[in-house]
PDB file of N, CA and C in Angstrom:
ATOM      1  N   UNK A   1     258.119 193.480 104.649  1.00  0.00           N
ATOM      2  CA  UNK A   1     258.262 194.599 103.757  1.00  0.00           C
ATOM      3  C   UNK A   1     257.071 194.690 102.803  1.00  0.00           C
ATOM      4  N   UNK A   2     256.694 193.550 102.228  1.00  0.00           N
ATOM      5  CA  UNK A   2     255.554 193.586 101.312  1.00  0.00           C
ATOM      6  C   UNK A   2     254.268 193.894 102.082  1.00  0.00           C
ATOM      7  N   UNK A   3     254.195 193.414 103.327  1.00  0.00           N
ATOM      8  CA  UNK A   3     253.011 193.696 104.143  1.00  0.00           C
ATOM      9  C   UNK A   3     252.873 195.195 104.359  1.00  0.00           C
ATOM     10  N   UNK A   4     253.979 195.872 104.662  1.00  0.00           N
ATOM     11  CA  UNK A   4     253.958 197.320 104.872  1.00  0.00           C
ATOM     12  C   UNK A   4     253.517 198.038 103.603  1.00  0.00           C
ATOM     13  N   UNK A   5     254.022 197.573 102.462  1.00  0.00           N
ATOM     14  CA  UNK A   5     253.657 198.190 101.191  1.00  0.00           C
ATOM     15  C   UNK A   5     252.167 197.980 100.902  1.00  0.00           C
ATOM     16  N   UNK A   6     251.652 196.789 101.171  1.00  0.00           N
ATOM     17  CA  UNK A   6     250.234 196.522 100.951  1.00  0.00           C
ATOM     18  C   UNK A   6     249.352 197.360 101.872  1.00  0.00           C
ATOM     19  N   UNK A   7     249.745 197.456 103.137  1.00  0.00           N
ATOM     20  CA  UNK A   7     248.954 198.255 104.074  1.00  0.00           C
ATOM     21  C   UNK A   7     248.950 199.732 103.679  1.00  0.00           C
ATOM     22  N   UNK A   8     250.080 200.212 103.202  1.00  0.00           N
ATOM     23  CA  UNK A   8     250.164 201.596 102.737  1.00  0.00           C
ATOM     24  C   UNK A   8     249.262 201.821 101.523  1.00  0.00           C
ATOM     25  N   UNK A   9     249.248 200.851 100.614  1.00  0.00           N
ATOM     26  CA  UNK A   9     248.389 200.945  99.435  1.00  0.00           C
ATOM     27  C   UNK A   9     246.922 200.926  99.833  1.00  0.00           C
ATOM     28  N   UNK A  10     246.583 200.068 100.771  1.00  0.00           N
ATOM     29  CA  UNK A  10     245.198 200.001 101.262  1.00  0.00           C
ATOM     30  C   UNK A  10     244.789 201.351 101.842  1.00  0.00           C
ATOM     31  N   UNK A  11     245.646 201.923 102.680  1.00  0.00           N
ATOM     32  CA  UNK A  11     245.333 203.233 103.276  1.00  0.00           C
ATOM     33  C   UNK A  11     245.154 204.303 102.205  1.00  0.00           C
ATOM     34  N   UNK A  12     246.000 204.280 101.180  1.00  0.00           N
ATOM     35  CA  UNK A  12     245.914 205.280 100.118  1.00  0.00           C
ATOM     36  C   UNK A  12     244.598 205.164  99.359  1.00  0.00           C
ATOM     37  N   UNK A  13     244.235 203.942  98.985  1.00  0.00           N
ATOM     38  CA  UNK A  13     242.990 203.732  98.240  1.00  0.00           C
ATOM     39  C   UNK A  13     241.780 204.104  99.095  1.00  0.00           C
ATOM     40  N   UNK A  14     241.779 203.669 100.328  1.00  0.00           N
ATOM     41  CA  UNK A  14     240.631 203.932 101.192  1.00  0.00           C
ATOM     42  C   UNK A  14     240.515 205.429 101.528  1.00  0.00           C
ATOM     43  N   UNK A  15     241.634 206.094 101.688  1.00  0.00           N
ATOM     44  CA  UNK A  15     241.593 207.544 101.926  1.00  0.00           C
ATOM     45  C   UNK A  15     241.026 208.247 100.701  1.00  0.00           C
ATOM     46  N   UNK A  16     241.401 207.782  99.521  1.00  0.00           N
ATOM     47  CA  UNK A  16     240.838 208.345  98.292  1.00  0.00           C
ATOM     48  C   UNK A  16     239.331 208.178  98.230  1.00  0.00           C
ATOM     49  N   UNK A  17     238.847 207.027  98.663  1.00  0.00           N
ATOM     50  CA  UNK A  17     237.398 206.798  98.692  1.00  0.00           C
ATOM     51  C   UNK A  17     236.713 207.775  99.640  1.00  0.00           C
ATOM     52  N   UNK A  18     237.319 207.974 100.819  1.00  0.00           N
ATOM     53  CA  UNK A  18     236.719 208.884 101.799  1.00  0.00           C
ATOM     54  C   UNK A  18     236.728 210.328 101.298  1.00  0.00           C
ATOM     55  N   UNK A  19     237.805 210.712 100.633  1.00  0.00           N
ATOM     56  CA  UNK A  19     237.871 212.063 100.070  1.00  0.00           C
ATOM     57  C   UNK A  19     236.800 212.224  98.995  1.00  0.00           C
ATOM     58  N   UNK A  20     236.616 211.201  98.169  1.00  0.00           N
ATOM     59  CA  UNK A  20     235.572 211.242  97.148  1.00  0.00           C
ATOM     60  C   UNK A  20     234.202 211.424  97.798  1.00  0.00           C
ATOM     61  N   UNK A  21     233.921 210.631  98.820  1.00  0.00           N
ATOM     62  CA  UNK A  21     232.630 210.728  99.510  1.00  0.00           C
ATOM     63  C   UNK A  21     232.464 212.124 100.121  1.00  0.00           C
ATOM     64  N   UNK A  22     233.489 212.612 100.812  1.00  0.00           N
ATOM     65  CA  UNK A  22     233.395 213.922 101.444  1.00  0.00           C
ATOM     66  C   UNK A  22     233.209 215.036 100.423  1.00  0.00           C
ATOM     67  N   UNK A  23     233.752 214.868  99.233  1.00  0.00           N
ATOM     68  CA  UNK A  23     233.672 215.910  98.206  1.00  0.00           C
ATOM     69  C   UNK A  23     232.335 215.890  97.471  1.00  0.00           C
ATOM     70  N   UNK A  24     231.837 214.711  97.124  1.00  0.00           N
ATOM     71  CA  UNK A  24     230.693 214.630  96.224  1.00  0.00           C
ATOM     72  C   UNK A  24     229.373 214.221  96.873  1.00  0.00           C
ATOM     73  N   UNK A  25     229.407 213.635  98.046  1.00  0.00           N
ATOM     74  CA  UNK A  25     228.160 213.236  98.707  1.00  0.00           C
ATOM     75  C   UNK A  25     227.804 214.326  99.719  1.00  0.00           C
ATOM     76  N   UNK A  26     226.778 215.063  99.385  1.00  0.00           N
ATOM     77  CA  UNK A  26     226.409 216.231 100.210  1.00  0.00           C
ATOM     78  C   UNK A  26     225.430 215.892 101.333  1.00  0.00           C
ATOM     79  N   UNK A  27     224.764 214.766 101.236  1.00  0.00           N
ATOM     80  CA  UNK A  27     223.830 214.370 102.294  1.00  0.00           C
ATOM     81  C   UNK A  27     224.655 213.810 103.453  1.00  0.00           C
ATOM     82  N   UNK A  28     224.564 214.468 104.602  1.00  0.00           N
ATOM     83  CA  UNK A  28     225.428 214.146 105.741  1.00  0.00           C
ATOM     84  C   UNK A  28     225.269 212.703 106.227  1.00  0.00           C
ATOM     85  N   UNK A  29     224.033 212.219 106.367  1.00  0.00           N
ATOM     86  CA  UNK A  29     223.814 210.851 106.849  1.00  0.00           C
ATOM     87  C   UNK A  29     224.311 209.811 105.851  1.00  0.00           C
ATOM     88  N   UNK A  30     224.103 210.079 104.567  1.00  0.00           N
ATOM     89  CA  UNK A  30     224.578 209.158 103.543  1.00  0.00           C
ATOM     90  C   UNK A  30     226.108 209.120 103.516  1.00  0.00           C
ATOM     91  N   UNK A  31     226.728 210.288 103.628  1.00  0.00           N
ATOM     92  CA  UNK A  31     228.199 210.352 103.644  1.00  0.00           C
ATOM     93  C   UNK A  31     228.758 209.611 104.866  1.00  0.00           C
ATOM     94  N   UNK A  32     228.094 209.791 106.002  1.00  0.00           N
ATOM     95  CA  UNK A  32     228.530 209.104 107.216  1.00  0.00           C
ATOM     96  C   UNK A  32     228.437 207.589 107.045  1.00  0.00           C
ATOM     97  N   UNK A  33     227.336 207.128 106.456  1.00  0.00           N
ATOM     98  CA  UNK A  33     227.142 205.701 106.224  1.00  0.00           C
ATOM     99  C   UNK A  33     228.187 205.160 105.244  1.00  0.00           C
ATOM    100  N   UNK A  34     228.455 205.888 104.190  1.00  0.00           N
ATOM    101  CA  UNK A  34     229.434 205.441 103.195  1.00  0.00           C
ATOM    102  C   UNK A  34     230.848 205.419 103.779  1.00  0.00           C
ATOM    103  N   UNK A  35     231.192 206.428 104.567  1.00  0.00           N
ATOM    104  CA  UNK A  35     232.510 206.448 105.204  1.00  0.00           C
ATOM    105  C   UNK A  35     232.657 205.313 106.216  1.00  0.00           C
ATOM    106  N   UNK A  36     231.570 204.979 106.886  1.00  0.00           N
ATOM    107  CA  UNK A  36     231.591 203.846 107.813  1.00  0.00           C
ATOM    108  C   UNK A  36     231.855 202.549 107.051  1.00  0.00           C
ATOM    109  N   UNK A  37     231.232 202.418 105.879  1.00  0.00           N
ATOM    110  CA  UNK A  37     231.455 201.249 105.043  1.00  0.00           C
ATOM    111  C   UNK A  37     232.916 201.173 104.591  1.00  0.00           C
ATOM    112  N   UNK A  38     233.486 202.302 104.209  1.00  0.00           N
ATOM    113  CA  UNK A  38     234.888 202.346 103.797  1.00  0.00           C
ATOM    114  C   UNK A  38     235.791 201.948 104.969  1.00  0.00           C
ATOM    115  N   UNK A  39     235.460 202.406 106.165  1.00  0.00           N
ATOM    116  CA  UNK A  39     236.247 202.016 107.348  1.00  0.00           C
ATOM    117  C   UNK A  39     236.189 200.507 107.579  1.00  0.00           C
ATOM    118  N   UNK A  40     235.007 199.924 107.393  1.00  0.00           N
ATOM    119  CA  UNK A  40     234.864 198.482 107.563  1.00  0.00           C
ATOM    120  C   UNK A  40     235.637 197.727 106.485  1.00  0.00           C
ATOM    121  N   UNK A  41     235.611 198.243 105.249  1.00  0.00           N
ATOM    122  CA  UNK A  41     236.411 197.635 104.177  1.00  0.00           C
ATOM    123  C   UNK A  41     237.896 197.674 104.529  1.00  0.00           C
ATOM    124  N   UNK A  42     238.330 198.803 105.055  1.00  0.00           N
ATOM    125  CA  UNK A  42     239.738 198.964 105.421  1.00  0.00           C
ATOM    126  C   UNK A  42     240.134 197.941 106.477  1.00  0.00           C
ATOM    127  N   UNK A  43     239.324 197.828 107.509  1.00  0.00           N
ATOM    128  CA  UNK A  43     239.614 196.884 108.592  1.00  0.00           C
ATOM    129  C   UNK A  43     239.657 195.450 108.070  1.00  0.00           C
ATOM    130  N   UNK A  44     238.681 195.075 107.246  1.00  0.00           N
ATOM    131  CA  UNK A  44     238.627 193.721 106.701  1.00  0.00           C
ATOM    132  C   UNK A  44     239.846 193.435 105.821  1.00  0.00           C
ATOM    133  N   UNK A  45     240.169 194.367 104.939  1.00  0.00           N
ATOM    134  CA  UNK A  45     241.277 194.156 104.003  1.00  0.00           C
ATOM    135  C   UNK A  45     242.604 194.069 104.736  1.00  0.00           C
ATOM    136  N   UNK A  46     242.813 194.922 105.720  1.00  0.00           N
ATOM    137  CA  UNK A  46     244.055 194.866 106.499  1.00  0.00           C
ATOM    138  C   UNK A  46     244.157 193.561 107.280  1.00  0.00           C
ATOM    139  N   UNK A  47     243.047 193.082 107.810  1.00  0.00           N
ATOM    140  CA  UNK A  47     243.046 191.810 108.532  1.00  0.00           C
ATOM    141  C   UNK A  47     243.365 190.662 107.584  1.00  0.00           C
ATOM    142  N   UNK A  48     242.846 190.724 106.360  1.00  0.00           N
ATOM    143  CA  UNK A  48     243.138 189.696 105.361  1.00  0.00           C
ATOM    144  C   UNK A  48     244.628 189.674 105.029  1.00  0.00           C
ATOM    145  N   UNK A  49     245.217 190.850 104.838  1.00  0.00           N
ATOM    146  CA  UNK A  49     246.655 190.939 104.559  1.00  0.00           C
ATOM    147  C   UNK A  49     247.445 190.361 105.736  1.00  0.00           C
ATOM    148  N   UNK A  50     247.043 190.692 106.948  1.00  0.00           N
ATOM    149  CA  UNK A  50     247.734 190.184 108.137  1.00  0.00           C
ATOM    150  C   UNK A  50     247.637 188.660 108.215  1.00  0.00           C
ATOM    151  N   UNK A  51     246.446 188.125 107.943  1.00  0.00           N
ATOM    152  CA  UNK A  51     246.269 186.666 107.990  1.00  0.00           C
ATOM    153  C   UNK A  51     247.130 185.956 106.948  1.00  0.00           C
ATOM    154  N   UNK A  52     247.157 186.485 105.717  1.00  0.00           N
ATOM    155  CA  UNK A  52     247.975 185.860 104.684  1.00  0.00           C
ATOM    156  C   UNK A  52     249.460 186.013 104.975  1.00  0.00           C
ATOM    157  N   UNK A  53     249.832 187.108 105.611  1.00  0.00           N
ATOM    158  CA  UNK A  53     251.235 187.299 105.989  1.00  0.00           C
ATOM    159  C   UNK A  53     251.650 186.259 107.030  1.00  0.00           C
ATOM    160  N   UNK A  54     250.812 186.053 108.027  1.00  0.00           N
ATOM    161  CA  UNK A  54     251.089 185.040 109.048  1.00  0.00           C
ATOM    162  C   UNK A  54     251.127 183.648 108.433  1.00  0.00           C
ATOM    163  N   UNK A  55     250.171 183.365 107.551  1.00  0.00           N
ATOM    164  CA  UNK A  55     250.123 182.066 106.884  1.00  0.00           C
ATOM    165  C   UNK A  55     251.383 181.836 106.058  1.00  0.00           C
ATOM    166  N   UNK A  56     251.781 182.822 105.288  1.00  0.00           N
ATOM    167  CA  UNK A  56     252.974 182.700 104.457  1.00  0.00           C
ATOM    168  C   UNK A  56     254.232 182.482 105.276  1.00  0.00           C
ATOM    169  N   UNK A  57     254.360 183.219 106.370  1.00  0.00           N
ATOM    170  CA  UNK A  57     255.526 183.072 107.238  1.00  0.00           C
ATOM    171  C   UNK A  57     255.565 181.682 107.861  1.00  0.00           C
ATOM    172  N   UNK A  58     254.424 181.216 108.319  1.00  0.00           N
ATOM    173  CA  UNK A  58     254.355 179.891 108.939  1.00  0.00           C
ATOM    174  C   UNK A  58     254.621 178.789 107.916  1.00  0.00           C
ATOM    175  N   UNK A  59     254.044 178.931 106.733  1.00  0.00           N
ATOM    176  CA  UNK A  59     254.262 177.942 105.680  1.00  0.00           C
ATOM    177  C   UNK A  59     255.732 177.896 105.283  1.00  0.00           C
ATOM    178  N   UNK A  60     256.348 179.051 105.157  1.00  0.00           N
ATOM    179  CA  UNK A  60     257.764 179.095 104.799  1.00  0.00           C
ATOM    180  C   UNK A  60     258.615 178.405 105.872  1.00  0.00           C
ATOM    181  N   UNK A  61     258.307 178.659 107.146  1.00  0.00           N
ATOM    182  CA  UNK A  61     259.106 178.041 108.212  1.00  0.00           C
ATOM    183  C   UNK A  61     258.964 176.520 108.202  1.00  0.00           C
ATOM    184  N   UNK A  62     257.815 176.020 107.802  1.00  0.00           N
ATOM    185  CA  UNK A  62     257.619 174.566 107.727  1.00  0.00           C
ATOM    186  C   UNK A  62     258.354 173.993 106.517  1.00  0.00           C
ATOM    187  N   UNK A  63     258.174 174.609 105.360  1.00  0.00           N
ATOM    188  CA  UNK A  63     258.763 174.091 104.128  1.00  0.00           C
ATOM    189  C   UNK A  63     260.281 174.226 104.140  1.00  0.00           C
ATOM    190  N   UNK A  64     260.792 175.271 104.764  1.00  0.00           N
ATOM    191  CA  UNK A  64     262.241 175.482 104.799  1.00  0.00           C
ATOM    192  C   UNK A  64     262.942 174.555 105.788  1.00  0.00           C
ATOM    193  N   UNK A  65     262.180 173.895 106.631  1.00  0.00           N
ATOM    194  CA  UNK A  65     262.741 172.979 107.614  1.00  0.00           C
ATOM    195  C   UNK A  65     263.312 171.748 106.902  1.00  0.00           C
ATOM    196  N   UNK A  66     264.545 171.384 107.218  1.00  0.00           N
ATOM    197  CA  UNK A  66     265.199 170.249 106.565  1.00  0.00           C
ATOM    198  C   UNK A  66     264.462 168.937 106.824  1.00  0.00           C
ATOM    199  N   UNK A  67     263.872 168.786 107.994  1.00  0.00           N
ATOM    200  CA  UNK A  67     263.122 167.561 108.290  1.00  0.00           C
ATOM    201  C   UNK A  67     261.916 167.431 107.373  1.00  0.00           C
ATOM    202  N   UNK A  68     261.275 168.554 107.060  1.00  0.00           N
ATOM    203  CA  UNK A  68     260.119 168.528 106.155  1.00  0.00           C
ATOM    204  C   UNK A  68     260.543 168.013 104.782  1.00  0.00           C
ATOM    205  N   UNK A  69     261.643 168.531 104.284  1.00  0.00           N
ATOM    206  CA  UNK A  69     262.133 168.124 102.961  1.00  0.00           C
ATOM    207  C   UNK A  69     262.499 166.639 102.963  1.00  0.00           C
ATOM    208  N   UNK A  70     263.165 166.194 104.028  1.00  0.00           N
ATOM    209  CA  UNK A  70     263.548 164.775 104.134  1.00  0.00           C
ATOM    210  C   UNK A  70     262.301 163.899 104.211  1.00  0.00           C
ATOM    211  N   UNK A  71     261.327 164.285 105.032  1.00  0.00           N
ATOM    212  CA  UNK A  71     260.088 163.512 105.157  1.00  0.00           C
ATOM    213  C   UNK A  71     259.321 163.479 103.834  1.00  0.00           C
ATOM    214  N   UNK A  72     259.334 164.585 103.123  1.00  0.00           N
ATOM    215  CA  UNK A  72     258.655 164.645 101.833  1.00  0.00           C
ATOM    216  C   UNK A  72     259.317 163.706 100.826  1.00  0.00           C
ATOM    217  N   UNK A  73     260.643 163.660 100.832  1.00  0.00           N
ATOM    218  CA  UNK A  73     261.367 162.759  99.929  1.00  0.00           C
ATOM    219  C   UNK A  73     261.065 161.300 100.263  1.00  0.00           C
ATOM    220  N   UNK A  74     261.012 160.977 101.550  1.00  0.00           N
ATOM    221  CA  UNK A  74     260.699 159.602 101.965  1.00  0.00           C
ATOM    222  C   UNK A  74     259.275 159.252 101.536  1.00  0.00           C
ATOM    223  N   UNK A  75     258.345 160.156 101.738  1.00  0.00           N
ATOM    224  CA  UNK A  75     256.956 159.903 101.340  1.00  0.00           C
ATOM    225  C   UNK A  75     256.844 159.708  99.838  1.00  0.00           C
ATOM    226  N   UNK A  76     257.550 160.533  99.073  1.00  0.00           N
ATOM    227  CA  UNK A  76     257.512 160.405  97.618  1.00  0.00           C
ATOM    228  C   UNK A  76     258.082 159.057  97.179  1.00  0.00           C
ATOM    229  N   UNK A  77     259.169 158.647  97.796  1.00  0.00           N
ATOM    230  CA  UNK A  77     259.773 157.351  97.454  1.00  0.00           C
ATOM    231  C   UNK A  77     258.817 156.215  97.793  1.00  0.00           C
ATOM    232  N   UNK A  78     258.181 156.265  98.945  1.00  0.00           N
ATOM    233  CA  UNK A  78     257.218 155.235  99.332  1.00  0.00           C
ATOM    234  C   UNK A  78     256.044 155.189  98.355  1.00  0.00           C
ATOM    235  N   UNK A  79     255.597 156.339  97.926  1.00  0.00           N
ATOM    236  CA  UNK A  79     254.485 156.421  96.976  1.00  0.00           C
ATOM    237  C   UNK A  79     254.876 155.798  95.644  1.00  0.00           C
ATOM    238  N   UNK A  80     256.060 156.157  95.156  1.00  0.00           N
ATOM    239  CA  UNK A  80     256.536 155.611  93.888  1.00  0.00           C
ATOM    240  C   UNK A  80     256.722 154.104  94.006  1.00  0.00           C
ATOM    241  N   UNK A  81     257.324 153.665  95.095  1.00  0.00           N
ATOM    242  CA  UNK A  81     257.536 152.227  95.300  1.00  0.00           C
ATOM    243  C   UNK A  81     256.211 151.466  95.354  1.00  0.00           C
ATOM    244  N   UNK A  82     255.213 152.055  95.982  1.00  0.00           N
ATOM    245  CA  UNK A  82     253.911 151.405  96.095  1.00  0.00           C
ATOM    246  C   UNK A  82     253.291 151.189  94.724  1.00  0.00           C
ATOM    247  N   UNK A  83     253.408 152.165  93.853  1.00  0.00           N
ATOM    248  CA  UNK A  83     252.767 152.091  92.544  1.00  0.00           C
ATOM    249  C   UNK A  83     253.664 151.499  91.449  1.00  0.00           C
ATOM    250  N   UNK A  84     254.893 151.177  91.778  1.00  0.00           N
ATOM    251  CA  UNK A  84     255.787 150.561  90.801  1.00  0.00           C
ATOM    252  C   UNK A  84     255.582 149.058  90.815  1.00  0.00           C
ATOM    253  N   UNK A  85     255.260 148.464  89.649  1.00  0.00           N
ATOM    254  CA  UNK A  85     255.025 147.014  89.616  1.00  0.00           C
ATOM    255  C   UNK A  85     256.259 146.239  90.090  1.00  0.00           C
ATOM    256  N   UNK A  86     256.023 145.217  90.893  1.00  0.00           N
ATOM    257  CA  UNK A  86     257.088 144.355  91.376  1.00  0.00           C
ATOM    258  C   UNK A  86     257.726 144.868  92.663  1.00  0.00           C
ATOM    259  N   UNK A  87     257.351 146.061  93.142  1.00  0.00           N
ATOM    260  CA  UNK A  87     257.960 146.594  94.373  1.00  0.00           C
ATOM    261  C   UNK A  87     256.952 146.672  95.511  1.00  0.00           C
ATOM    262  N   UNK A  88     255.737 146.220  95.308  1.00  0.00           N
ATOM    263  CA  UNK A  88     254.722 146.325  96.367  1.00  0.00           C
ATOM    264  C   UNK A  88     255.106 145.471  97.553  1.00  0.00           C
ATOM    265  N   UNK A  89     254.896 146.033  98.728  1.00  0.00           N
ATOM    266  CA  UNK A  89     255.179 145.303  99.948  1.00  0.00           C
ATOM    267  C   UNK A  89     256.604 145.407 100.414  1.00  0.00           C
ATOM    268  N   UNK A  90     257.430 146.149  99.706  1.00  0.00           N
ATOM    269  CA  UNK A  90     258.832 146.291 100.131  1.00  0.00           C
ATOM    270  C   UNK A  90     258.995 147.476 101.022  1.00  0.00           C
TER     271      UNK A  90
END
């Protein structure tokens, strides 16, 4: 849902940029170059949103896994035990 909202916002902002260029840049080659740049910005930004969306989903699936939480608790206990005086080697 947030990905859809972000992509919609990206399209709105980038369309505004293109409208600005089409309205105020009268040199055809310059306008074409600027619109091409806006298209590249759009593609890059959408790809970034997609990558972070995939990363977030994958991270959530790992962290939400009960085995991850159990392993993390065991690791934390081992770490504390290691650094607690009188418990080394147990």
